Amino acid sequence: MSVIRQLNSSGVVLSVINLETAPTTLSFGRDQGNDIVLVDPRVSRIHTLIIRRDGRYVISDNNSRNGTWVNDATIREHPLMDGDTFNIGSGRFMYEETDSPPVVIKKKAPVERHPYFENLSNRLIDDLAQTEEFPLVRPRRTGRWIIGVGLIASAGALAMYLWQRYFDLITSLF
């Protein structure tokens, strides 16, 4: 089984794409017609393709402006090998061949929160998802993955955490 793991800057897995259930040609880019939509100004409309050929996967740059980087080298076309990492804009991915199904374990660190901040990030994301003018939230299409909403959740959680620490500091002074 072949999978692509989306990684954050620390190497933590954010999402997993099972290539066995994906289309023969998997497209990455900014345009909503892509299989993987990346909300990043450095990503071209149709930036990169991953093509299944003879049971193997090949990554191909689609004449993008900023290029596709595999293992820290720009490529035009490259056969993917187990452990290869590739960058598309600020997105970082890793190709993996495994015998077991993909598993993502998300650990949540215990965080003490002021009652005001409970469910604030969920309410914020729900409100943003309902506004059409917010650029990172796009309507989900059947069979499409949208990467970007996780960035909003991460930024919202960080902002809430920092705000709570600021609130705790101010209240401790009085």
N, C-alpha and C. Protein backbone atom coordinates (compact mmCIF):
# COMPACT_ATOMS: atom_id res chain seq x y z
N MET A 1 0.84 -1.16 0.00
CA MET A 1 0.00 0.00 0.00
C MET A 1 0.89 1.23 0.00
N SER A 2 0.56 2.20 -0.84
CA SER A 2 1.33 3.43 -0.93
C SER A 2 0.49 4.58 -0.39
N VAL A 3 1.13 5.41 0.41
CA VAL A 3 0.44 6.56 1.00
C VAL A 3 1.32 7.79 0.88
N ILE A 4 0.66 8.94 0.94
CA ILE A 4 1.35 10.22 1.03
C ILE A 4 0.93 10.84 2.35
N ARG A 5 1.91 11.24 3.13
CA ARG A 5 1.63 11.87 4.41
C ARG A 5 1.95 13.36 4.30
N GLN A 6 0.99 14.19 4.69
CA GLN A 6 1.24 15.62 4.76
C GLN A 6 1.87 15.91 6.11
N LEU A 7 3.00 16.63 6.10
CA LEU A 7 3.75 16.90 7.32
C LEU A 7 3.74 18.39 7.64
N ASN A 8 3.82 18.72 8.92
CA ASN A 8 4.02 20.12 9.27
C ASN A 8 5.52 20.39 9.32
N SER A 9 5.91 21.60 9.70
CA SER A 9 7.34 21.95 9.68
C SER A 9 8.17 21.15 10.68
N SER A 10 7.52 20.57 11.70
CA SER A 10 8.23 19.75 12.68
C SER A 10 8.27 18.28 12.30
N GLY A 11 7.62 17.91 11.19
CA GLY A 11 7.60 16.53 10.76
C GLY A 11 6.44 15.72 11.31
N VAL A 12 5.50 16.38 11.98
CA VAL A 12 4.33 15.70 12.52
C VAL A 12 3.33 15.49 11.38
N VAL A 13 2.73 14.30 11.31
CA VAL A 13 1.79 13.97 10.25
C VAL A 13 0.48 14.72 10.48
N LEU A 14 0.04 15.47 9.46
CA LEU A 14 -1.23 16.20 9.53
C LEU A 14 -2.36 15.43 8.87
N SER A 15 -2.08 14.77 7.76
CA SER A 15 -3.10 13.99 7.07
C SER A 15 -2.43 12.90 6.24
N VAL A 16 -3.22 11.90 5.84
CA VAL A 16 -2.71 10.76 5.07
C VAL A 16 -3.59 10.57 3.85
N ILE A 17 -2.97 10.40 2.69
CA ILE A 17 -3.69 10.15 1.44
C ILE A 17 -3.32 8.74 0.98
N ASN A 18 -4.31 7.89 0.87
CA ASN A 18 -4.09 6.51 0.42
C ASN A 18 -4.09 6.52 -1.10
N LEU A 19 -2.96 6.24 -1.72
CA LEU A 19 -2.85 6.27 -3.18
C LEU A 19 -3.59 5.11 -3.85
N GLU A 20 -3.83 4.04 -3.10
CA GLU A 20 -4.52 2.89 -3.68
C GLU A 20 -5.97 3.24 -4.02
N THR A 21 -6.57 4.16 -3.27
CA THR A 21 -7.96 4.55 -3.52
C THR A 21 -8.05 5.86 -4.29
N ALA A 22 -6.92 6.49 -4.58
CA ALA A 22 -6.89 7.77 -5.30
C ALA A 22 -6.99 7.51 -6.81
N PRO A 23 -7.31 8.55 -7.59
CA PRO A 23 -7.32 8.38 -9.05
C PRO A 23 -5.93 8.04 -9.59
N THR A 24 -5.88 7.55 -10.83
CA THR A 24 -4.60 7.19 -11.46
C THR A 24 -3.66 8.38 -11.52
N THR A 25 -4.20 9.56 -11.78
CA THR A 25 -3.42 10.79 -11.77
C THR A 25 -3.97 11.68 -10.67
N LEU A 26 -3.12 12.01 -9.72
CA LEU A 26 -3.49 12.82 -8.56
C LEU A 26 -2.88 14.20 -8.76
N SER A 27 -3.71 15.25 -8.78
CA SER A 27 -3.21 16.60 -9.04
C SER A 27 -3.19 17.43 -7.76
N PHE A 28 -2.12 18.23 -7.63
CA PHE A 28 -1.94 19.16 -6.52
C PHE A 28 -1.92 20.57 -7.10
N GLY A 29 -2.58 21.50 -6.45
CA GLY A 29 -2.53 22.89 -6.91
C GLY A 29 -3.52 23.76 -6.18
N ARG A 30 -3.55 25.04 -6.59
CA ARG A 30 -4.43 26.03 -5.97
C ARG A 30 -5.86 25.94 -6.47
N ASP A 31 -6.05 25.49 -7.70
CA ASP A 31 -7.37 25.48 -8.32
C ASP A 31 -8.28 24.45 -7.65
N GLN A 32 -9.56 24.78 -7.53
CA GLN A 32 -10.54 23.89 -6.90
C GLN A 32 -10.73 22.58 -7.67
N GLY A 33 -10.34 22.52 -8.91
CA GLY A 33 -10.49 21.30 -9.70
C GLY A 33 -9.45 20.24 -9.40
N ASN A 34 -8.45 20.56 -8.59
CA ASN A 34 -7.40 19.60 -8.23
C ASN A 34 -7.90 18.59 -7.21
N ASP A 35 -7.25 17.44 -7.18
CA ASP A 35 -7.57 16.43 -6.17
C ASP A 35 -7.11 16.89 -4.79
N ILE A 36 -5.94 17.52 -4.72
CA ILE A 36 -5.42 18.09 -3.48
C ILE A 36 -5.32 19.59 -3.69
N VAL A 37 -6.13 20.35 -2.95
CA VAL A 37 -6.14 21.81 -3.08
C VAL A 37 -5.23 22.39 -1.99
N LEU A 38 -4.21 23.13 -2.42
CA LEU A 38 -3.27 23.77 -1.50
C LEU A 38 -3.51 25.28 -1.56
N VAL A 39 -3.86 25.87 -0.45
CA VAL A 39 -4.12 27.29 -0.39
C VAL A 39 -2.81 27.99 -0.04
N ASP A 40 -2.07 28.35 -1.08
CA ASP A 40 -0.75 28.95 -0.90
C ASP A 40 -0.44 29.75 -2.17
N PRO A 41 -0.09 31.03 -2.05
CA PRO A 41 0.18 31.83 -3.25
C PRO A 41 1.39 31.35 -4.04
N ARG A 42 2.26 30.56 -3.44
CA ARG A 42 3.44 30.05 -4.15
C ARG A 42 3.13 28.80 -4.97
N VAL A 43 1.91 28.31 -4.86
CA VAL A 43 1.51 27.10 -5.58
C VAL A 43 0.76 27.51 -6.84
N SER A 44 1.11 26.90 -7.97
CA SER A 44 0.44 27.18 -9.25
C SER A 44 -0.95 26.55 -9.26
N ARG A 45 -1.76 26.96 -10.23
CA ARG A 45 -3.13 26.43 -10.30
C ARG A 45 -3.13 24.90 -10.39
N ILE A 46 -2.36 24.36 -11.30
CA ILE A 46 -2.13 22.90 -11.36
C ILE A 46 -0.62 22.75 -11.26
N HIS A 47 -0.13 22.46 -10.07
CA HIS A 47 1.29 22.55 -9.77
C HIS A 47 2.03 21.24 -10.06
N THR A 48 1.51 20.14 -9.52
CA THR A 48 2.22 18.86 -9.56
C THR A 48 1.23 17.73 -9.81
N LEU A 49 1.69 16.70 -10.50
CA LEU A 49 0.88 15.50 -10.71
C LEU A 49 1.63 14.29 -10.16
N ILE A 50 0.88 13.39 -9.55
CA ILE A 50 1.44 12.08 -9.19
C ILE A 50 0.69 11.07 -10.04
N ILE A 51 1.44 10.34 -10.85
CA ILE A 51 0.87 9.44 -11.85
C ILE A 51 1.24 8.01 -11.52
N ARG A 52 0.27 7.11 -11.61
CA ARG A 52 0.52 5.68 -11.41
C ARG A 52 0.88 5.08 -12.77
N ARG A 53 2.11 4.52 -12.87
CA ARG A 53 2.57 3.88 -14.10
C ARG A 53 3.12 2.50 -13.77
N ASP A 54 2.54 1.48 -14.33
CA ASP A 54 3.03 0.11 -14.14
C ASP A 54 3.18 -0.25 -12.66
N GLY A 55 2.23 0.15 -11.84
CA GLY A 55 2.26 -0.18 -10.43
C GLY A 55 3.18 0.68 -9.59
N ARG A 56 3.87 1.62 -10.19
CA ARG A 56 4.78 2.54 -9.49
C ARG A 56 4.19 3.95 -9.58
N TYR A 57 4.69 4.85 -8.74
CA TYR A 57 4.21 6.23 -8.75
C TYR A 57 5.33 7.16 -9.16
N VAL A 58 4.98 8.12 -10.02
CA VAL A 58 5.93 9.10 -10.53
C VAL A 58 5.37 10.48 -10.22
N ILE A 59 6.21 11.36 -9.68
CA ILE A 59 5.80 12.73 -9.43
C ILE A 59 6.34 13.59 -10.57
N SER A 60 5.47 14.47 -11.08
CA SER A 60 5.83 15.27 -12.25
C SER A 60 5.43 16.72 -12.01
N ASP A 61 6.39 17.63 -12.18
CA ASP A 61 6.09 19.05 -12.07
C ASP A 61 5.34 19.47 -13.33
N ASN A 62 4.30 20.27 -13.18
CA ASN A 62 3.46 20.68 -14.31
C ASN A 62 3.84 22.10 -14.76
N ASN A 63 5.13 22.32 -15.03
CA ASN A 63 5.65 23.63 -15.44
C ASN A 63 5.25 24.72 -14.46
N SER A 64 5.35 24.43 -13.17
CA SER A 64 4.98 25.40 -12.15
C SER A 64 6.05 26.48 -12.03
N ARG A 65 5.64 27.63 -11.53
CA ARG A 65 6.55 28.76 -11.40
C ARG A 65 7.65 28.50 -10.36
N ASN A 66 7.28 27.95 -9.21
CA ASN A 66 8.25 27.75 -8.13
C ASN A 66 8.82 26.34 -8.06
N GLY A 67 8.39 25.47 -8.95
CA GLY A 67 8.96 24.13 -9.03
C GLY A 67 8.47 23.18 -7.95
N THR A 68 8.77 21.91 -8.17
CA THR A 68 8.47 20.85 -7.21
C THR A 68 9.82 20.31 -6.75
N TRP A 69 9.95 20.16 -5.44
CA TRP A 69 11.21 19.74 -4.84
C TRP A 69 11.05 18.36 -4.24
N VAL A 70 11.90 17.41 -4.67
CA VAL A 70 11.91 16.07 -4.10
C VAL A 70 13.27 15.86 -3.46
N ASN A 71 13.27 15.52 -2.18
CA ASN A 71 14.52 15.32 -1.42
C ASN A 71 15.47 16.50 -1.60
N ASP A 72 14.93 17.71 -1.50
CA ASP A 72 15.68 18.97 -1.56
C ASP A 72 16.33 19.25 -2.91
N ALA A 73 15.79 18.69 -3.99
CA ALA A 73 16.27 18.99 -5.34
C ALA A 73 15.06 19.21 -6.24
N THR A 74 15.15 20.21 -7.13
CA THR A 74 14.02 20.45 -8.03
C THR A 74 13.99 19.36 -9.09
N ILE A 75 12.78 19.02 -9.50
CA ILE A 75 12.62 17.92 -10.48
C ILE A 75 11.64 18.34 -11.57
N ARG A 76 11.72 17.66 -12.69
CA ARG A 76 10.69 17.74 -13.73
C ARG A 76 9.81 16.50 -13.60
N GLU A 77 10.47 15.35 -13.43
CA GLU A 77 9.76 14.09 -13.21
C GLU A 77 10.69 13.19 -12.39
N HIS A 78 10.09 12.45 -11.45
CA HIS A 78 10.91 11.65 -10.56
C HIS A 78 10.10 10.44 -10.09
N PRO A 79 10.64 9.21 -10.23
CA PRO A 79 9.94 8.04 -9.69
C PRO A 79 10.02 8.07 -8.15
N LEU A 80 8.88 7.96 -7.50
CA LEU A 80 8.85 8.04 -6.04
C LEU A 80 9.35 6.74 -5.43
N MET A 81 10.20 6.87 -4.43
CA MET A 81 10.74 5.75 -3.67
C MET A 81 10.28 5.90 -2.23
N ASP A 82 10.25 4.79 -1.51
CA ASP A 82 9.84 4.80 -0.11
C ASP A 82 10.69 5.79 0.69
N GLY A 83 10.04 6.71 1.40
CA GLY A 83 10.73 7.69 2.22
C GLY A 83 11.03 9.01 1.54
N ASP A 84 10.73 9.13 0.23
CA ASP A 84 10.96 10.40 -0.46
C ASP A 84 10.09 11.49 0.16
N THR A 85 10.66 12.68 0.33
CA THR A 85 9.88 13.83 0.77
C THR A 85 9.81 14.81 -0.39
N PHE A 86 8.67 15.48 -0.53
CA PHE A 86 8.56 16.48 -1.58
C PHE A 86 7.82 17.70 -1.05
N ASN A 87 8.24 18.86 -1.59
CA ASN A 87 7.66 20.14 -1.20
C ASN A 87 6.95 20.76 -2.39
N ILE A 88 5.75 21.27 -2.12
CA ILE A 88 4.97 22.01 -3.10
C ILE A 88 4.58 23.31 -2.39
N GLY A 89 5.20 24.42 -2.79
CA GLY A 89 5.00 25.66 -2.05
C GLY A 89 5.49 25.45 -0.63
N SER A 90 4.66 25.80 0.36
CA SER A 90 5.04 25.57 1.75
C SER A 90 4.58 24.20 2.25
N GLY A 91 3.86 23.46 1.39
CA GLY A 91 3.39 22.13 1.78
C GLY A 91 4.50 21.10 1.72
N ARG A 92 4.56 20.25 2.74
CA ARG A 92 5.60 19.22 2.81
C ARG A 92 4.93 17.86 2.91
N PHE A 93 5.36 16.92 2.08
CA PHE A 93 4.74 15.61 2.00
C PHE A 93 5.82 14.53 2.00
N MET A 94 5.41 13.30 2.39
CA MET A 94 6.33 12.17 2.37
C MET A 94 5.61 10.98 1.73
N TYR A 95 6.29 10.34 0.78
CA TYR A 95 5.77 9.15 0.12
C TYR A 95 6.24 7.93 0.90
N GLU A 96 5.32 7.00 1.16
CA GLU A 96 5.66 5.82 1.94
C GLU A 96 5.01 4.58 1.34
N GLU A 97 5.75 3.52 1.27
CA GLU A 97 5.22 2.21 0.88
C GLU A 97 5.16 1.37 2.14
N THR A 98 3.98 0.85 2.44
CA THR A 98 3.80 0.10 3.67
C THR A 98 2.85 -1.07 3.44
N ASP A 99 2.98 -2.09 4.27
CA ASP A 99 2.09 -3.24 4.18
C ASP A 99 0.84 -3.05 5.02
N SER A 100 0.91 -2.16 5.99
CA SER A 100 -0.24 -1.95 6.88
C SER A 100 -1.04 -0.73 6.44
N PRO A 101 -2.32 -0.69 6.79
CA PRO A 101 -3.14 0.47 6.42
C PRO A 101 -2.65 1.72 7.15
N PRO A 102 -2.87 2.90 6.55
CA PRO A 102 -2.39 4.13 7.18
C PRO A 102 -3.12 4.41 8.49
N VAL A 103 -2.35 4.78 9.50
CA VAL A 103 -2.91 5.12 10.81
C VAL A 103 -2.35 6.47 11.21
N VAL A 104 -3.23 7.36 11.64
CA VAL A 104 -2.79 8.66 12.13
C VAL A 104 -3.20 8.74 13.59
N ILE A 105 -2.24 8.93 14.47
CA ILE A 105 -2.52 9.07 15.89
C ILE A 105 -2.34 10.53 16.25
N LYS A 106 -3.41 11.12 16.73
CA LYS A 106 -3.33 12.52 17.12
C LYS A 106 -3.38 12.57 18.64
N LYS A 107 -2.31 13.08 19.23
CA LYS A 107 -2.25 13.22 20.67
C LYS A 107 -2.60 14.65 21.03
N LYS A 108 -3.47 14.79 22.01
CA LYS A 108 -3.83 16.11 22.47
C LYS A 108 -3.17 16.35 23.82
N ALA A 109 -2.45 17.43 23.90
CA ALA A 109 -1.82 17.79 25.16
C ALA A 109 -2.89 18.39 26.07
N PRO A 110 -2.88 18.02 27.35
CA PRO A 110 -3.87 18.61 28.25
C PRO A 110 -3.60 20.10 28.43
N VAL A 111 -4.63 20.88 28.21
CA VAL A 111 -4.52 22.33 28.33
C VAL A 111 -5.63 22.81 29.24
N GLU A 112 -5.25 23.56 30.28
CA GLU A 112 -6.26 24.15 31.15
C GLU A 112 -6.75 25.42 30.48
N ARG A 113 -8.07 25.54 30.37
CA ARG A 113 -8.63 26.70 29.70
C ARG A 113 -9.61 27.43 30.59
N HIS A 114 -9.62 28.72 30.42
CA HIS A 114 -10.62 29.55 31.08
C HIS A 114 -11.97 29.21 30.44
N PRO A 115 -13.07 29.17 31.21
CA PRO A 115 -14.37 28.79 30.64
C PRO A 115 -14.77 29.61 29.41
N TYR A 116 -14.32 30.85 29.33
CA TYR A 116 -14.68 31.68 28.18
C TYR A 116 -14.15 31.10 26.87
N PHE A 117 -13.01 30.42 26.94
CA PHE A 117 -12.36 29.94 25.73
C PHE A 117 -12.84 28.56 25.28
N GLU A 118 -13.70 27.91 26.06
CA GLU A 118 -14.20 26.59 25.68
C GLU A 118 -14.95 26.68 24.35
N ASN A 119 -14.61 25.81 23.44
CA ASN A 119 -15.25 25.70 22.12
C ASN A 119 -15.16 26.96 21.28
N LEU A 120 -14.32 27.92 21.66
CA LEU A 120 -14.19 29.13 20.87
C LEU A 120 -13.62 28.84 19.49
N SER A 121 -12.62 27.95 19.42
CA SER A 121 -12.03 27.66 18.11
C SER A 121 -13.04 26.97 17.21
N ASN A 122 -13.86 26.06 17.76
CA ASN A 122 -14.87 25.39 16.93
C ASN A 122 -15.90 26.39 16.43
N ARG A 123 -16.32 27.31 17.30
CA ARG A 123 -17.30 28.32 16.86
C ARG A 123 -16.68 29.21 15.81
N LEU A 124 -15.42 29.59 15.99
CA LEU A 124 -14.74 30.45 15.03
C LEU A 124 -14.63 29.77 13.67
N ILE A 125 -14.23 28.51 13.65
CA ILE A 125 -14.11 27.79 12.39
C ILE A 125 -15.47 27.63 11.73
N ASP A 126 -16.50 27.32 12.50
CA ASP A 126 -17.85 27.19 11.94
C ASP A 126 -18.30 28.50 11.32
N ASP A 127 -18.03 29.62 12.01
CA ASP A 127 -18.43 30.93 11.47
C ASP A 127 -17.66 31.25 10.19
N LEU A 128 -16.35 30.96 10.18
CA LEU A 128 -15.54 31.23 8.99
C LEU A 128 -15.96 30.35 7.82
N ALA A 129 -16.33 29.12 8.11
CA ALA A 129 -16.71 28.19 7.04
C ALA A 129 -17.99 28.63 6.36
N GLN A 130 -18.81 29.43 7.03
CA GLN A 130 -20.07 29.86 6.44
C GLN A 130 -19.93 31.16 5.66
N THR A 131 -18.78 31.83 5.74
CA THR A 131 -18.58 33.06 4.98
C THR A 131 -17.86 32.73 3.69
N GLU A 132 -18.37 33.21 2.59
CA GLU A 132 -17.79 32.89 1.28
C GLU A 132 -16.54 33.71 0.98
N GLU A 133 -16.37 34.85 1.64
CA GLU A 133 -15.23 35.70 1.31
C GLU A 133 -13.95 35.31 2.03
N PHE A 134 -14.01 34.38 2.98
CA PHE A 134 -12.79 33.97 3.68
C PHE A 134 -11.97 33.08 2.76
N PRO A 135 -10.72 33.44 2.42
CA PRO A 135 -9.98 32.75 1.34
C PRO A 135 -9.52 31.34 1.64
N LEU A 136 -9.32 30.95 2.91
CA LEU A 136 -8.76 29.63 3.17
C LEU A 136 -9.82 28.54 3.27
N VAL A 137 -11.07 28.91 3.42
CA VAL A 137 -12.11 27.91 3.58
C VAL A 137 -12.88 27.83 2.27
N ARG A 138 -12.86 26.69 1.65
CA ARG A 138 -13.54 26.50 0.38
C ARG A 138 -14.58 25.41 0.53
N PRO A 139 -15.66 25.48 -0.23
CA PRO A 139 -16.65 24.40 -0.13
C PRO A 139 -16.03 23.07 -0.55
N ARG A 140 -16.34 22.02 0.17
CA ARG A 140 -15.78 20.70 -0.10
C ARG A 140 -16.51 20.09 -1.29
N ARG A 141 -15.75 19.55 -2.22
CA ARG A 141 -16.32 18.85 -3.36
C ARG A 141 -16.18 17.36 -3.13
N THR A 142 -17.08 16.61 -3.67
CA THR A 142 -17.04 15.16 -3.50
C THR A 142 -15.75 14.61 -4.09
N GLY A 143 -15.05 13.79 -3.31
CA GLY A 143 -13.81 13.16 -3.78
C GLY A 143 -12.61 14.09 -3.75
N ARG A 144 -12.72 15.24 -3.12
CA ARG A 144 -11.60 16.19 -3.07
C ARG A 144 -11.14 16.35 -1.63
N TRP A 145 -9.84 16.56 -1.45
CA TRP A 145 -9.30 16.87 -0.14
C TRP A 145 -8.97 18.35 -0.12
N ILE A 146 -9.27 19.01 0.94
CA ILE A 146 -8.95 20.43 1.03
C ILE A 146 -8.00 20.62 2.21
N ILE A 147 -6.82 21.12 1.89
CA ILE A 147 -5.81 21.37 2.91
C ILE A 147 -5.78 22.87 3.12
N GLY A 148 -5.92 23.29 4.31
CA GLY A 148 -5.96 24.72 4.62
C GLY A 148 -6.80 24.95 5.85
N VAL A 149 -7.88 24.19 6.00
CA VAL A 149 -8.74 24.34 7.16
C VAL A 149 -7.96 23.95 8.41
N GLY A 150 -7.08 22.94 8.31
CA GLY A 150 -6.25 22.56 9.44
C GLY A 150 -5.33 23.68 9.87
N LEU A 151 -4.87 24.48 8.90
CA LEU A 151 -4.03 25.62 9.23
C LEU A 151 -4.81 26.65 10.03
N ILE A 152 -6.09 26.84 9.67
CA ILE A 152 -6.93 27.79 10.39
C ILE A 152 -7.12 27.31 11.82
N ALA A 153 -7.40 26.02 11.98
CA ALA A 153 -7.61 25.47 13.32
C ALA A 153 -6.35 25.61 14.16
N SER A 154 -5.18 25.34 13.57
CA SER A 154 -3.92 25.46 14.30
C SER A 154 -3.66 26.90 14.71
N ALA A 155 -3.88 27.83 13.78
CA ALA A 155 -3.66 29.24 14.08
C ALA A 155 -4.64 29.72 15.14
N GLY A 156 -5.89 29.27 15.04
CA GLY A 156 -6.90 29.65 16.03
C GLY A 156 -6.56 29.11 17.40
N ALA A 157 -6.12 27.87 17.47
CA ALA A 157 -5.76 27.27 18.75
C ALA A 157 -4.56 27.99 19.36
N LEU A 158 -3.57 28.33 18.54
CA LEU A 158 -2.41 29.06 19.03
C LEU A 158 -2.82 30.43 19.55
N ALA A 159 -3.66 31.13 18.80
CA ALA A 159 -4.11 32.45 19.23
C ALA A 159 -4.87 32.35 20.55
N MET A 160 -5.71 31.33 20.69
CA MET A 160 -6.45 31.15 21.94
C MET A 160 -5.50 30.86 23.10
N TYR A 161 -4.53 30.02 22.87
CA TYR A 161 -3.57 29.67 23.91
C TYR A 161 -2.80 30.91 24.36
N LEU A 162 -2.32 31.70 23.40
CA LEU A 162 -1.58 32.91 23.74
C LEU A 162 -2.47 33.92 24.45
N TRP A 163 -3.70 34.06 23.99
CA TRP A 163 -4.64 34.98 24.63
C TRP A 163 -4.92 34.53 26.08
N GLN A 164 -5.07 33.23 26.28
CA GLN A 164 -5.34 32.71 27.63
C GLN A 164 -4.14 32.99 28.54
N ARG A 165 -2.92 32.77 28.05
CA ARG A 165 -1.73 33.03 28.85
C ARG A 165 -1.64 34.53 29.20
N TYR A 166 -1.95 35.40 28.24
CA TYR A 166 -1.96 36.83 28.47
C TYR A 166 -3.02 37.17 29.52
N PHE A 167 -4.20 36.58 29.40
CA PHE A 167 -5.29 36.82 30.35
C PHE A 167 -4.88 36.37 31.75
N ASP A 168 -4.25 35.19 31.83
CA ASP A 168 -3.80 34.68 33.14
C ASP A 168 -2.74 35.60 33.75
N LEU A 169 -1.83 36.12 32.93
CA LEU A 169 -0.80 37.02 33.42
C LEU A 169 -1.42 38.29 33.96
N ILE A 170 -2.34 38.88 33.22
CA ILE A 170 -2.98 40.13 33.64
C ILE A 170 -3.78 39.91 34.93
N THR A 171 -4.55 38.81 35.00
CA THR A 171 -5.35 38.58 36.21
C THR A 171 -4.48 38.26 37.42
N SER A 172 -3.30 37.68 37.21
CA SER A 172 -2.43 37.39 38.34
C SER A 172 -1.79 38.66 38.91
N LEU A 173 -1.72 39.71 38.10
CA LEU A 173 -1.16 40.97 38.57
C LEU A 173 -2.12 41.71 39.50
N PHE A 174 -3.39 41.43 39.39
CA PHE A 174 -4.40 42.16 40.20
C PHE A 174 -4.91 41.36 41.33
